[in-house]
Amino acid sequence: MSNQEKLEALAEFEGMTIEEMLEQGTYDSAAKGICSDPMCDYTTEVEPDQAHGHCEKCGGQTVTSCLVLAGMI
């Protein structure tokens, strides 16, 4: 899955638009994050600049914040 597809999936899981999710992540100390593994859909709150966070579902260092997926950081 591409970063854009993961970003869209994360927004859908969170019940937000991509714009709402990015705005929230920009102004809060935590941002929405999703596992970047194509076979995993684990989501969590992460630091806004997280690019390689631990995934509790698949065990990889694959959780990425919405801001990184969007190329804002």
N, C-alpha and C. Protein backbone atom coordinates (compact mmCIF):
# COMPACT_ATOMS: atom_id res chain seq x y z
N MET A 1 0.83 -1.19 0.00
CA MET A 1 0.00 0.00 0.00
C MET A 1 0.88 1.25 0.00
N SER A 2 0.43 2.24 -0.70
CA SER A 2 1.17 3.51 -0.73
C SER A 2 0.89 4.31 0.54
N ASN A 3 1.70 5.32 0.77
CA ASN A 3 1.48 6.22 1.91
C ASN A 3 0.10 6.85 1.82
N GLN A 4 -0.32 7.24 0.62
CA GLN A 4 -1.63 7.87 0.45
C GLN A 4 -2.75 6.89 0.83
N GLU A 5 -2.62 5.64 0.43
CA GLU A 5 -3.64 4.64 0.76
C GLU A 5 -3.69 4.40 2.27
N LYS A 6 -2.53 4.35 2.93
CA LYS A 6 -2.50 4.17 4.38
C LYS A 6 -3.09 5.40 5.07
N LEU A 7 -2.80 6.58 4.56
CA LEU A 7 -3.34 7.81 5.12
C LEU A 7 -4.87 7.82 5.01
N GLU A 8 -5.39 7.42 3.87
CA GLU A 8 -6.84 7.35 3.66
C GLU A 8 -7.47 6.32 4.59
N ALA A 9 -6.83 5.15 4.73
CA ALA A 9 -7.34 4.11 5.62
C ALA A 9 -7.36 4.60 7.07
N LEU A 10 -6.31 5.27 7.50
CA LEU A 10 -6.24 5.78 8.86
C LEU A 10 -7.35 6.79 9.12
N ALA A 11 -7.55 7.70 8.20
CA ALA A 11 -8.62 8.69 8.36
C ALA A 11 -9.97 8.00 8.45
N GLU A 12 -10.19 7.00 7.63
CA GLU A 12 -11.46 6.27 7.67
C GLU A 12 -11.64 5.56 9.01
N PHE A 13 -10.60 4.88 9.50
CA PHE A 13 -10.66 4.20 10.80
C PHE A 13 -10.99 5.17 11.92
N GLU A 14 -10.43 6.38 11.83
CA GLU A 14 -10.61 7.38 12.88
C GLU A 14 -11.90 8.18 12.72
N GLY A 15 -12.61 8.01 11.61
CA GLY A 15 -13.85 8.74 11.39
C GLY A 15 -13.64 10.21 11.14
N MET A 16 -12.53 10.54 10.49
CA MET A 16 -12.17 11.93 10.22
C MET A 16 -11.82 12.07 8.74
N THR A 17 -11.78 13.31 8.28
CA THR A 17 -11.19 13.55 6.97
C THR A 17 -9.69 13.60 7.15
N ILE A 18 -8.97 13.46 6.06
CA ILE A 18 -7.51 13.56 6.14
C ILE A 18 -7.11 14.93 6.67
N GLU A 19 -7.79 15.96 6.19
CA GLU A 19 -7.47 17.32 6.63
C GLU A 19 -7.67 17.50 8.13
N GLU A 20 -8.77 16.97 8.67
CA GLU A 20 -9.04 17.08 10.11
C GLU A 20 -7.96 16.35 10.90
N MET A 21 -7.58 15.17 10.44
CA MET A 21 -6.59 14.37 11.13
C MET A 21 -5.23 15.06 11.13
N LEU A 22 -4.84 15.64 10.00
CA LEU A 22 -3.56 16.34 9.91
C LEU A 22 -3.55 17.59 10.76
N GLU A 23 -4.67 18.31 10.78
CA GLU A 23 -4.75 19.51 11.62
C GLU A 23 -4.62 19.16 13.09
N GLN A 24 -5.32 18.10 13.50
CA GLN A 24 -5.24 17.67 14.89
C GLN A 24 -3.81 17.27 15.25
N GLY A 25 -3.15 16.53 14.38
CA GLY A 25 -1.78 16.09 14.63
C GLY A 25 -0.78 17.23 14.67
N THR A 26 -1.09 18.29 13.94
CA THR A 26 -0.20 19.45 13.90
C THR A 26 -0.22 20.22 15.21
N TYR A 27 -1.38 20.28 15.84
CA TYR A 27 -1.52 21.12 17.04
C TYR A 27 -1.51 20.34 18.35
N ASP A 28 -1.60 19.03 18.32
CA ASP A 28 -1.56 18.22 19.53
C ASP A 28 -0.16 17.64 19.74
N SER A 29 0.07 17.12 20.93
CA SER A 29 1.36 16.49 21.22
C SER A 29 1.41 15.05 20.71
N ALA A 30 0.27 14.54 20.24
CA ALA A 30 0.20 13.20 19.67
C ALA A 30 -0.54 13.28 18.35
N ALA A 31 -0.21 12.34 17.46
CA ALA A 31 -0.86 12.27 16.16
C ALA A 31 -1.36 10.85 15.94
N LYS A 32 -2.28 10.70 15.02
CA LYS A 32 -2.76 9.37 14.66
C LYS A 32 -1.67 8.66 13.87
N GLY A 33 -1.51 7.37 14.13
CA GLY A 33 -0.51 6.58 13.42
C GLY A 33 -1.07 5.26 12.97
N ILE A 34 -0.48 4.69 11.93
CA ILE A 34 -0.92 3.40 11.39
C ILE A 34 0.30 2.58 10.99
N CYS A 35 0.18 1.27 11.09
CA CYS A 35 1.25 0.38 10.67
C CYS A 35 1.37 0.46 9.14
N SER A 36 2.60 0.58 8.66
CA SER A 36 2.81 0.70 7.22
C SER A 36 2.94 -0.64 6.52
N ASP A 37 2.90 -1.74 7.26
CA ASP A 37 2.92 -3.07 6.64
C ASP A 37 1.61 -3.26 5.86
N PRO A 38 1.69 -3.67 4.60
CA PRO A 38 0.47 -3.81 3.79
C PRO A 38 -0.54 -4.81 4.35
N MET A 39 -0.10 -5.75 5.15
CA MET A 39 -0.99 -6.79 5.68
C MET A 39 -1.51 -6.45 7.08
N CYS A 40 -1.18 -5.28 7.60
CA CYS A 40 -1.55 -4.92 8.96
C CYS A 40 -2.31 -3.60 8.96
N ASP A 41 -3.29 -3.49 9.86
CA ASP A 41 -4.08 -2.26 9.94
C ASP A 41 -4.11 -1.68 11.35
N TYR A 42 -3.09 -1.97 12.14
CA TYR A 42 -3.01 -1.48 13.51
C TYR A 42 -2.90 0.04 13.53
N THR A 43 -3.71 0.68 14.36
CA THR A 43 -3.65 2.13 14.52
C THR A 43 -3.45 2.48 15.99
N THR A 44 -2.83 3.64 16.23
CA THR A 44 -2.56 4.09 17.59
C THR A 44 -2.22 5.57 17.56
N GLU A 45 -2.02 6.15 18.72
CA GLU A 45 -1.54 7.53 18.83
C GLU A 45 -0.02 7.48 18.97
N VAL A 46 0.67 8.34 18.25
CA VAL A 46 2.13 8.36 18.26
C VAL A 46 2.63 9.81 18.31
N GLU A 47 3.92 9.97 18.50
CA GLU A 47 4.51 11.30 18.41
C GLU A 47 4.37 11.78 16.97
N PRO A 48 4.17 13.07 16.76
CA PRO A 48 3.94 13.57 15.41
C PRO A 48 5.02 13.22 14.39
N ASP A 49 6.28 13.04 14.83
CA ASP A 49 7.36 12.74 13.89
C ASP A 49 7.72 11.26 13.82
N GLN A 50 6.86 10.39 14.36
CA GLN A 50 7.13 8.96 14.40
C GLN A 50 7.16 8.37 12.99
N ALA A 51 8.24 7.65 12.67
CA ALA A 51 8.36 7.01 11.37
C ALA A 51 8.58 5.51 11.47
N HIS A 52 9.04 5.03 12.62
CA HIS A 52 9.36 3.60 12.77
C HIS A 52 8.94 3.10 14.15
N GLY A 53 7.70 3.37 14.55
CA GLY A 53 7.22 2.95 15.86
C GLY A 53 6.89 1.47 15.90
N HIS A 54 6.86 0.92 17.10
CA HIS A 54 6.56 -0.51 17.29
C HIS A 54 5.08 -0.79 17.05
N CYS A 55 4.80 -1.80 16.26
CA CYS A 55 3.42 -2.24 16.01
C CYS A 55 3.10 -3.39 16.96
N GLU A 56 2.09 -3.20 17.79
CA GLU A 56 1.70 -4.23 18.74
C GLU A 56 0.97 -5.39 18.10
N LYS A 57 0.53 -5.23 16.86
CA LYS A 57 -0.20 -6.30 16.17
C LYS A 57 0.74 -7.23 15.40
N CYS A 58 1.63 -6.66 14.57
CA CYS A 58 2.50 -7.51 13.75
C CYS A 58 3.94 -7.59 14.28
N GLY A 59 4.29 -6.71 15.23
CA GLY A 59 5.60 -6.77 15.86
C GLY A 59 6.70 -6.01 15.16
N GLY A 60 6.41 -5.38 14.04
CA GLY A 60 7.43 -4.64 13.30
C GLY A 60 7.66 -3.24 13.84
N GLN A 61 8.69 -2.61 13.37
CA GLN A 61 8.96 -1.20 13.68
C GLN A 61 8.38 -0.40 12.52
N THR A 62 7.07 -0.46 12.37
CA THR A 62 6.41 -0.03 11.14
C THR A 62 5.30 1.00 11.34
N VAL A 63 5.09 1.48 12.55
CA VAL A 63 4.02 2.45 12.78
C VAL A 63 4.52 3.85 12.42
N THR A 64 3.73 4.54 11.60
CA THR A 64 4.10 5.85 11.08
C THR A 64 2.98 6.84 11.35
N SER A 65 3.34 8.05 11.74
CA SER A 65 2.32 9.07 12.02
C SER A 65 1.70 9.59 10.72
N CYS A 66 0.50 10.11 10.84
CA CYS A 66 -0.20 10.67 9.69
C CYS A 66 0.59 11.83 9.08
N LEU A 67 1.29 12.59 9.90
CA LEU A 67 2.06 13.73 9.39
C LEU A 67 3.24 13.28 8.54
N VAL A 68 3.87 12.18 8.92
CA VAL A 68 4.96 11.63 8.12
C VAL A 68 4.41 11.03 6.83
N LEU A 69 3.31 10.30 6.93
CA LEU A 69 2.69 9.72 5.72
C LEU A 69 2.32 10.80 4.72
N ALA A 70 1.88 11.94 5.21
CA ALA A 70 1.46 13.03 4.34
C ALA A 70 2.63 13.86 3.82
N GLY A 71 3.84 13.57 4.31
CA GLY A 71 5.02 14.30 3.86
C GLY A 71 5.16 15.68 4.50
N MET A 72 4.46 15.89 5.61
CA MET A 72 4.54 17.18 6.29
C MET A 72 5.76 17.26 7.21
N ILE A 73 6.26 16.12 7.60
CA ILE A 73 7.47 16.04 8.45
C ILE A 73 8.45 15.12 7.74
